[in-house]
């Protein structure tokens, strides 16, 4: 995608770059673009002026235990034990994914600023690809959900990406099918039997076209993200 034709994405990536939440190969590619494109370097400089002073004066604080408890859910390939087996009491939290939670929070706040909606949607989740690049953004309130993708997502013929809410001690709850093109931004009714405050994670599986025929995931979890209140 040509960033100059997508100024909102350029702003999002520049802010993530400055905050250090854009990582891996995506960060290296973006750094190369900064050197090649003066207009992009100016955007990065503006975000540095806006964000770095705030980062330098902020006090260092230990995250609350509840936050550490919530982070392990984003470990790659890990499905919470309370979702695998509601009777299991094995711990399923780990603190090593604090950077991932920080990245999700950062991108969520940026999306609120870049894409304001007509109705407040305080709950946010940002799903990233294996390179750490934000791919899907989920916004929700008690009544509606807005699903958007920031880039074209490849999908095999006859398949759909389905979004699930993961609630402790409960089976996954379908939240609908995800768009695969930035031109799509569906607003769907929130499941009427779900309280967004109880949702800790959202997850994505690949299902037959139109969604799971069983009402439960039939494929492996491909993406997960922590649902946060912005």
C-alpha atoms as a PDB file:
ATOM      1  CA  UNK A   1       0.000   0.000   0.000  1.00  0.00           C
ATOM      2  CA  UNK A   2       1.266   3.509  -0.856  1.00  0.00           C
ATOM      3  CA  UNK A   3       1.244   5.294   2.478  1.00  0.00           C
ATOM      4  CA  UNK A   4       0.791   8.713   0.912  1.00  0.00           C
ATOM      5  CA  UNK A   5      -2.594   7.564  -0.352  1.00  0.00           C
ATOM      6  CA  UNK A   6      -3.529   6.414   3.159  1.00  0.00           C
ATOM      7  CA  UNK A   7      -2.656   9.304   5.509  1.00  0.00           C
ATOM      8  CA  UNK A   8      -4.442   7.775   8.481  1.00  0.00           C
ATOM      9  CA  UNK A   9      -2.363   4.605   8.229  1.00  0.00           C
ATOM     10  CA  UNK A  10       0.794   6.711   7.885  1.00  0.00           C
ATOM     11  CA  UNK A  11      -0.101   8.552  11.096  1.00  0.00           C
ATOM     12  CA  UNK A  12      -0.836   5.288  12.874  1.00  0.00           C
ATOM     13  CA  UNK A  13       2.449   3.679  11.846  1.00  0.00           C
ATOM     14  CA  UNK A  14       4.463   6.807  12.647  1.00  0.00           C
ATOM     15  CA  UNK A  15       3.032   7.009  16.158  1.00  0.00           C
ATOM     16  CA  UNK A  16       3.621   3.293  16.722  1.00  0.00           C
ATOM     17  CA  UNK A  17       7.199   3.697  15.471  1.00  0.00           C
ATOM     18  CA  UNK A  18       7.896   6.562  17.884  1.00  0.00           C
ATOM     19  CA  UNK A  19       6.416   4.672  20.838  1.00  0.00           C
ATOM     20  CA  UNK A  20       8.364   1.525  19.981  1.00  0.00           C
ATOM     21  CA  UNK A  21       5.302  -0.638  19.472  1.00  0.00           C
ATOM     22  CA  UNK A  22       6.092  -1.174  15.788  1.00  0.00           C
ATOM     23  CA  UNK A  23       8.663  -3.944  15.905  1.00  0.00           C
ATOM     24  CA  UNK A  24      10.528  -6.563  13.898  1.00  0.00           C
ATOM     25  CA  UNK A  25      10.687  -6.446  10.125  1.00  0.00           C
ATOM     26  CA  UNK A  26       7.799  -3.990   9.979  1.00  0.00           C
ATOM     27  CA  UNK A  27       9.879  -1.503  11.995  1.00  0.00           C
ATOM     28  CA  UNK A  28      12.922  -1.982   9.765  1.00  0.00           C
ATOM     29  CA  UNK A  29      10.857  -1.419   6.626  1.00  0.00           C
ATOM     30  CA  UNK A  30       9.258   1.678   8.104  1.00  0.00           C
ATOM     31  CA  UNK A  31      12.661   3.085   9.124  1.00  0.00           C
ATOM     32  CA  UNK A  32      13.811   2.662   5.526  1.00  0.00           C
ATOM     33  CA  UNK A  33      10.728   4.506   4.290  1.00  0.00           C
ATOM     34  CA  UNK A  34      11.467   7.374   6.686  1.00  0.00           C
ATOM     35  CA  UNK A  35      14.918   7.791   5.124  1.00  0.00           C
ATOM     36  CA  UNK A  36      13.495   7.690   1.611  1.00  0.00           C
ATOM     37  CA  UNK A  37      10.430   9.901   2.054  1.00  0.00           C
ATOM     38  CA  UNK A  38      10.880  13.338   3.652  1.00  0.00           C
ATOM     39  CA  UNK A  39       7.127  13.824   4.069  1.00  0.00           C
ATOM     40  CA  UNK A  40       7.006  10.675   6.221  1.00  0.00           C
ATOM     41  CA  UNK A  41      10.016  11.830   8.247  1.00  0.00           C
ATOM     42  CA  UNK A  42       8.116  15.032   9.029  1.00  0.00           C
ATOM     43  CA  UNK A  43       5.160  13.031  10.349  1.00  0.00           C
ATOM     44  CA  UNK A  44       7.490  10.985  12.559  1.00  0.00           C
ATOM     45  CA  UNK A  45       9.154  14.164  13.853  1.00  0.00           C
ATOM     46  CA  UNK A  46       5.760  15.606  14.737  1.00  0.00           C
ATOM     47  CA  UNK A  47       4.853  12.486  16.710  1.00  0.00           C
ATOM     48  CA  UNK A  48       8.227  12.603  18.466  1.00  0.00           C
ATOM     49  CA  UNK A  49       7.513  16.166  19.564  1.00  0.00           C
ATOM     50  CA  UNK A  50       4.055  15.167  20.776  1.00  0.00           C
ATOM     51  CA  UNK A  51       4.814  11.868  22.484  1.00  0.00           C
ATOM     52  CA  UNK A  52       8.402  11.669  23.657  1.00  0.00           C
ATOM     53  CA  UNK A  53       8.255  14.490  26.229  1.00  0.00           C
ATOM     54  CA  UNK A  54       5.275  12.783  27.847  1.00  0.00           C
ATOM     55  CA  UNK A  55       7.090   9.465  27.923  1.00  0.00           C
ATOM     56  CA  UNK A  56      10.174  10.990  29.573  1.00  0.00           C
ATOM     57  CA  UNK A  57       8.336  12.606  32.473  1.00  0.00           C
ATOM     58  CA  UNK A  58       6.050   9.722  33.327  1.00  0.00           C
ATOM     59  CA  UNK A  59       6.826   7.796  36.533  1.00  0.00           C
ATOM     60  CA  UNK A  60       7.782   4.133  36.397  1.00  0.00           C
ATOM     61  CA  UNK A  61       5.101   1.987  37.991  1.00  0.00           C
ATOM     62  CA  UNK A  62       4.629  -1.700  38.521  1.00  0.00           C
ATOM     63  CA  UNK A  63       1.570  -2.947  36.666  1.00  0.00           C
ATOM     64  CA  UNK A  64      -1.234  -4.258  38.897  1.00  0.00           C
ATOM     65  CA  UNK A  65      -1.373  -8.006  39.425  1.00  0.00           C
ATOM     66  CA  UNK A  66      -4.643  -8.180  37.512  1.00  0.00           C
ATOM     67  CA  UNK A  67      -2.906  -6.781  34.438  1.00  0.00           C
ATOM     68  CA  UNK A  68      -0.098  -9.328  34.657  1.00  0.00           C
ATOM     69  CA  UNK A  69      -2.756 -11.985  35.029  1.00  0.00           C
ATOM     70  CA  UNK A  70      -4.478 -10.850  31.846  1.00  0.00           C
ATOM     71  CA  UNK A  71      -1.459 -10.683  29.575  1.00  0.00           C
ATOM     72  CA  UNK A  72      -0.577 -14.352  29.117  1.00  0.00           C
ATOM     73  CA  UNK A  73      -3.717 -14.806  27.073  1.00  0.00           C
ATOM     74  CA  UNK A  74      -1.882 -13.228  24.123  1.00  0.00           C
ATOM     75  CA  UNK A  75       0.986 -15.723  24.115  1.00  0.00           C
ATOM     76  CA  UNK A  76       1.301 -17.164  20.583  1.00  0.00           C
ATOM     77  CA  UNK A  77      -0.372 -20.537  20.219  1.00  0.00           C
ATOM     78  CA  UNK A  78      -1.836 -20.399  23.709  1.00  0.00           C
ATOM     79  CA  UNK A  79      -5.528 -20.919  24.391  1.00  0.00           C
ATOM     80  CA  UNK A  80      -6.630 -20.045  27.932  1.00  0.00           C
ATOM     81  CA  UNK A  81      -7.108 -23.159  30.027  1.00  0.00           C
ATOM     82  CA  UNK A  82     -10.471 -21.855  31.249  1.00  0.00           C
ATOM     83  CA  UNK A  83     -11.656 -21.900  27.656  1.00  0.00           C
ATOM     84  CA  UNK A  84     -10.116 -25.285  26.867  1.00  0.00           C
ATOM     85  CA  UNK A  85     -11.522 -26.807  30.044  1.00  0.00           C
ATOM     86  CA  UNK A  86     -13.776 -24.829  32.321  1.00  0.00           C
ATOM     87  CA  UNK A  87     -13.015 -27.198  35.202  1.00  0.00           C
ATOM     88  CA  UNK A  88      -9.262 -26.715  34.941  1.00  0.00           C
ATOM     89  CA  UNK A  89      -7.620 -24.576  37.589  1.00  0.00           C
ATOM     90  CA  UNK A  90      -4.162 -24.457  36.018  1.00  0.00           C
ATOM     91  CA  UNK A  91      -2.774 -20.918  35.837  1.00  0.00           C
ATOM     92  CA  UNK A  92      -2.912 -19.462  32.318  1.00  0.00           C
ATOM     93  CA  UNK A  93      -1.347 -16.058  32.854  1.00  0.00           C
ATOM     94  CA  UNK A  94       2.193 -14.848  32.302  1.00  0.00           C
ATOM     95  CA  UNK A  95       3.757 -11.378  32.405  1.00  0.00           C
ATOM     96  CA  UNK A  96       6.039 -11.713  29.389  1.00  0.00           C
ATOM     97  CA  UNK A  97       3.516 -10.209  26.970  1.00  0.00           C
ATOM     98  CA  UNK A  98       3.275  -6.792  28.642  1.00  0.00           C
ATOM     99  CA  UNK A  99       4.823  -5.203  25.490  1.00  0.00           C
ATOM    100  CA  UNK A 100       2.042  -6.720  23.382  1.00  0.00           C
ATOM    101  CA  UNK A 101      -0.621  -5.319  25.674  1.00  0.00           C
ATOM    102  CA  UNK A 102       1.110  -1.940  25.568  1.00  0.00           C
ATOM    103  CA  UNK A 103       1.115  -2.076  21.778  1.00  0.00           C
ATOM    104  CA  UNK A 104      -2.575  -2.924  21.652  1.00  0.00           C
ATOM    105  CA  UNK A 105      -3.450  -0.093  24.011  1.00  0.00           C
ATOM    106  CA  UNK A 106      -1.348   2.364  22.011  1.00  0.00           C
ATOM    107  CA  UNK A 107      -2.885   1.442  18.685  1.00  0.00           C
ATOM    108  CA  UNK A 108      -6.373   1.410  20.176  1.00  0.00           C
ATOM    109  CA  UNK A 109      -6.025   4.972  21.432  1.00  0.00           C
ATOM    110  CA  UNK A 110      -4.629   6.087  18.084  1.00  0.00           C
ATOM    111  CA  UNK A 111      -7.523   4.503  16.233  1.00  0.00           C
ATOM    112  CA  UNK A 112      -9.999   6.362  18.434  1.00  0.00           C
ATOM    113  CA  UNK A 113      -8.262   9.600  17.438  1.00  0.00           C
ATOM    114  CA  UNK A 114      -7.916   8.767  13.735  1.00  0.00           C
ATOM    115  CA  UNK A 115     -11.322   7.164  13.177  1.00  0.00           C
ATOM    116  CA  UNK A 116     -13.845   8.782  15.507  1.00  0.00           C
ATOM    117  CA  UNK A 117     -17.241   7.136  15.297  1.00  0.00           C
ATOM    118  CA  UNK A 118     -20.732   8.593  15.576  1.00  0.00           C
ATOM    119  CA  UNK A 119     -21.365   6.684  18.805  1.00  0.00           C
ATOM    120  CA  UNK A 120     -18.822   6.065  21.572  1.00  0.00           C
ATOM    121  CA  UNK A 121     -17.287   2.612  21.343  1.00  0.00           C
ATOM    122  CA  UNK A 122     -15.082   2.334  24.414  1.00  0.00           C
ATOM    123  CA  UNK A 123     -14.004  -1.277  23.992  1.00  0.00           C
ATOM    124  CA  UNK A 124     -11.092  -1.851  21.632  1.00  0.00           C
ATOM    125  CA  UNK A 125      -8.995  -4.724  20.335  1.00  0.00           C
ATOM    126  CA  UNK A 126      -6.203  -4.596  17.769  1.00  0.00           C
ATOM    127  CA  UNK A 127      -5.210  -7.813  16.019  1.00  0.00           C
ATOM    128  CA  UNK A 128      -1.726  -7.850  14.499  1.00  0.00           C
ATOM    129  CA  UNK A 129      -0.167 -10.069  11.858  1.00  0.00           C
ATOM    130  CA  UNK A 130       2.948 -12.214  12.578  1.00  0.00           C
ATOM    131  CA  UNK A 131       5.162  -9.237  11.681  1.00  0.00           C
ATOM    132  CA  UNK A 132       3.507  -7.127  14.386  1.00  0.00           C
ATOM    133  CA  UNK A 133       1.613  -4.890  11.961  1.00  0.00           C
ATOM    134  CA  UNK A 134      -1.934  -3.911  13.008  1.00  0.00           C
ATOM    135  CA  UNK A 135      -4.384  -5.735  10.727  1.00  0.00           C
ATOM    136  CA  UNK A 136      -7.864  -5.655  12.282  1.00  0.00           C
ATOM    137  CA  UNK A 137      -9.369  -3.145  14.679  1.00  0.00           C
ATOM    138  CA  UNK A 138     -12.437  -4.032  16.724  1.00  0.00           C
ATOM    139  CA  UNK A 139     -14.498  -1.304  18.410  1.00  0.00           C
ATOM    140  CA  UNK A 140     -17.548  -2.074  20.501  1.00  0.00           C
ATOM    141  CA  UNK A 141     -20.046  -0.782  22.997  1.00  0.00           C
ATOM    142  CA  UNK A 142     -22.964  -2.493  24.687  1.00  0.00           C
ATOM    143  CA  UNK A 143     -25.059  -2.399  21.513  1.00  0.00           C
ATOM    144  CA  UNK A 144     -22.843  -2.289  18.409  1.00  0.00           C
ATOM    145  CA  UNK A 145     -19.495  -3.424  17.047  1.00  0.00           C
ATOM    146  CA  UNK A 146     -17.435  -1.865  14.272  1.00  0.00           C
ATOM    147  CA  UNK A 147     -15.067  -4.239  12.468  1.00  0.00           C
ATOM    148  CA  UNK A 148     -12.402  -2.806  10.195  1.00  0.00           C
ATOM    149  CA  UNK A 149      -9.232  -3.972   8.517  1.00  0.00           C
ATOM    150  CA  UNK A 150      -6.239  -1.725   7.873  1.00  0.00           C
ATOM    151  CA  UNK A 151      -4.954  -3.717   4.885  1.00  0.00           C
ATOM    152  CA  UNK A 152      -6.109  -6.324   2.401  1.00  0.00           C
ATOM    153  CA  UNK A 153      -6.081  -9.746   4.060  1.00  0.00           C
ATOM    154  CA  UNK A 154      -5.589 -12.893   1.990  1.00  0.00           C
ATOM    155  CA  UNK A 155      -8.323 -15.479   2.392  1.00  0.00           C
ATOM    156  CA  UNK A 156      -8.651 -18.858   0.634  1.00  0.00           C
ATOM    157  CA  UNK A 157     -11.694 -19.314  -1.561  1.00  0.00           C
ATOM    158  CA  UNK A 158     -14.686 -20.668   0.307  1.00  0.00           C
ATOM    159  CA  UNK A 159     -13.434 -19.564   3.723  1.00  0.00           C
ATOM    160  CA  UNK A 160     -14.203 -16.772   6.191  1.00  0.00           C
ATOM    161  CA  UNK A 161     -12.415 -15.222   9.141  1.00  0.00           C
ATOM    162  CA  UNK A 162     -14.673 -15.379  12.184  1.00  0.00           C
ATOM    163  CA  UNK A 163     -14.287 -13.308  15.352  1.00  0.00           C
ATOM    164  CA  UNK A 164     -14.926 -14.811  18.776  1.00  0.00           C
ATOM    165  CA  UNK A 165     -15.291 -13.362  22.262  1.00  0.00           C
ATOM    166  CA  UNK A 166     -13.435 -15.364  24.893  1.00  0.00           C
ATOM    167  CA  UNK A 167     -15.026 -15.135  28.321  1.00  0.00           C
ATOM    168  CA  UNK A 168     -13.687 -17.036  31.355  1.00  0.00           C
ATOM    169  CA  UNK A 169     -15.625 -20.207  32.163  1.00  0.00           C
ATOM    170  CA  UNK A 170     -17.684 -19.859  28.997  1.00  0.00           C
ATOM    171  CA  UNK A 171     -17.575 -21.287  25.495  1.00  0.00           C
ATOM    172  CA  UNK A 172     -16.363 -18.929  22.730  1.00  0.00           C
ATOM    173  CA  UNK A 173     -19.101 -16.566  21.543  1.00  0.00           C
ATOM    174  CA  UNK A 174     -19.305 -15.589  17.871  1.00  0.00           C
ATOM    175  CA  UNK A 175     -19.008 -11.865  17.183  1.00  0.00           C
ATOM    176  CA  UNK A 176     -19.377 -12.091  13.407  1.00  0.00           C
ATOM    177  CA  UNK A 177     -17.257 -12.359  10.270  1.00  0.00           C
ATOM    178  CA  UNK A 178     -14.274 -10.082   9.750  1.00  0.00           C
ATOM    179  CA  UNK A 179     -13.805  -7.936   6.634  1.00  0.00           C
ATOM    180  CA  UNK A 180     -10.798  -8.595   4.415  1.00  0.00           C
ATOM    181  CA  UNK A 181     -10.612  -5.211   2.667  1.00  0.00           C
ATOM    182  CA  UNK A 182     -10.183  -1.667   4.032  1.00  0.00           C
ATOM    183  CA  UNK A 183     -13.185  -0.660   1.923  1.00  0.00           C
ATOM    184  CA  UNK A 184     -15.382  -2.735   4.239  1.00  0.00           C
ATOM    185  CA  UNK A 185     -16.197  -1.478   7.727  1.00  0.00           C
ATOM    186  CA  UNK A 186     -19.340  -3.242   8.890  1.00  0.00           C
ATOM    187  CA  UNK A 187     -21.175  -2.166  12.021  1.00  0.00           C
ATOM    188  CA  UNK A 188     -22.901  -5.172  13.553  1.00  0.00           C
ATOM    189  CA  UNK A 189     -25.174  -5.551  16.555  1.00  0.00           C
ATOM    190  CA  UNK A 190     -23.287  -6.804  19.584  1.00  0.00           C
ATOM    191  CA  UNK A 191     -24.354 -10.291  20.700  1.00  0.00           C
ATOM    192  CA  UNK A 192     -27.301  -9.694  23.014  1.00  0.00           C
ATOM    193  CA  UNK A 193     -26.159 -12.365  25.461  1.00  0.00           C
ATOM    194  CA  UNK A 194     -22.704 -10.945  26.086  1.00  0.00           C
ATOM    195  CA  UNK A 195     -21.488  -8.326  28.540  1.00  0.00           C
ATOM    196  CA  UNK A 196     -18.460  -6.611  27.014  1.00  0.00           C
ATOM    197  CA  UNK A 197     -17.056  -6.022  30.482  1.00  0.00           C
ATOM    198  CA  UNK A 198     -16.599  -9.770  30.882  1.00  0.00           C
ATOM    199  CA  UNK A 199     -14.726 -10.279  27.595  1.00  0.00           C
ATOM    200  CA  UNK A 200     -11.003 -10.653  28.200  1.00  0.00           C
ATOM    201  CA  UNK A 201      -9.893 -11.665  24.712  1.00  0.00           C
ATOM    202  CA  UNK A 202     -11.070 -11.757  21.144  1.00  0.00           C
ATOM    203  CA  UNK A 203      -9.817 -14.428  18.776  1.00  0.00           C
ATOM    204  CA  UNK A 204      -9.981 -15.177  15.057  1.00  0.00           C
ATOM    205  CA  UNK A 205     -10.382 -18.548  13.384  1.00  0.00           C
ATOM    206  CA  UNK A 206     -10.721 -19.529   9.737  1.00  0.00           C
ATOM    207  CA  UNK A 207     -14.099 -21.112   9.100  1.00  0.00           C
ATOM    208  CA  UNK A 208     -16.176 -22.271   6.129  1.00  0.00           C
ATOM    209  CA  UNK A 209     -17.680 -19.434   4.093  1.00  0.00           C
ATOM    210  CA  UNK A 210     -20.424 -17.786   6.095  1.00  0.00           C
ATOM    211  CA  UNK A 211     -19.074 -18.875   9.461  1.00  0.00           C
ATOM    212  CA  UNK A 212     -18.831 -21.928  11.655  1.00  0.00           C
ATOM    213  CA  UNK A 213     -21.653 -24.416  11.011  1.00  0.00           C
ATOM    214  CA  UNK A 214     -21.583 -25.531  14.653  1.00  0.00           C
ATOM    215  CA  UNK A 215     -21.645 -22.168  16.410  1.00  0.00           C
ATOM    216  CA  UNK A 216     -18.221 -22.947  17.863  1.00  0.00           C
ATOM    217  CA  UNK A 217     -14.715 -22.625  16.370  1.00  0.00           C
ATOM    218  CA  UNK A 218     -13.871 -25.485  14.029  1.00  0.00           C
ATOM    219  CA  UNK A 219     -10.383 -24.253  13.123  1.00  0.00           C
ATOM    220  CA  UNK A 220      -7.360 -23.263  15.200  1.00  0.00           C
ATOM    221  CA  UNK A 221      -7.030 -19.788  16.670  1.00  0.00           C
ATOM    222  CA  UNK A 222      -4.990 -17.699  14.218  1.00  0.00           C
ATOM    223  CA  UNK A 223      -5.012 -14.330  16.002  1.00  0.00           C
ATOM    224  CA  UNK A 224      -5.773 -13.172  19.540  1.00  0.00           C
ATOM    225  CA  UNK A 225      -5.920  -9.780  21.186  1.00  0.00           C
ATOM    226  CA  UNK A 226      -6.746  -8.404  24.595  1.00  0.00           C
ATOM    227  CA  UNK A 227      -9.990  -6.404  24.676  1.00  0.00           C
ATOM    228  CA  UNK A 228      -9.357  -3.129  26.479  1.00  0.00           C
ATOM    229  CA  UNK A 229     -11.474  -0.200  27.537  1.00  0.00           C
ATOM    230  CA  UNK A 230     -10.036   2.910  25.911  1.00  0.00           C
END
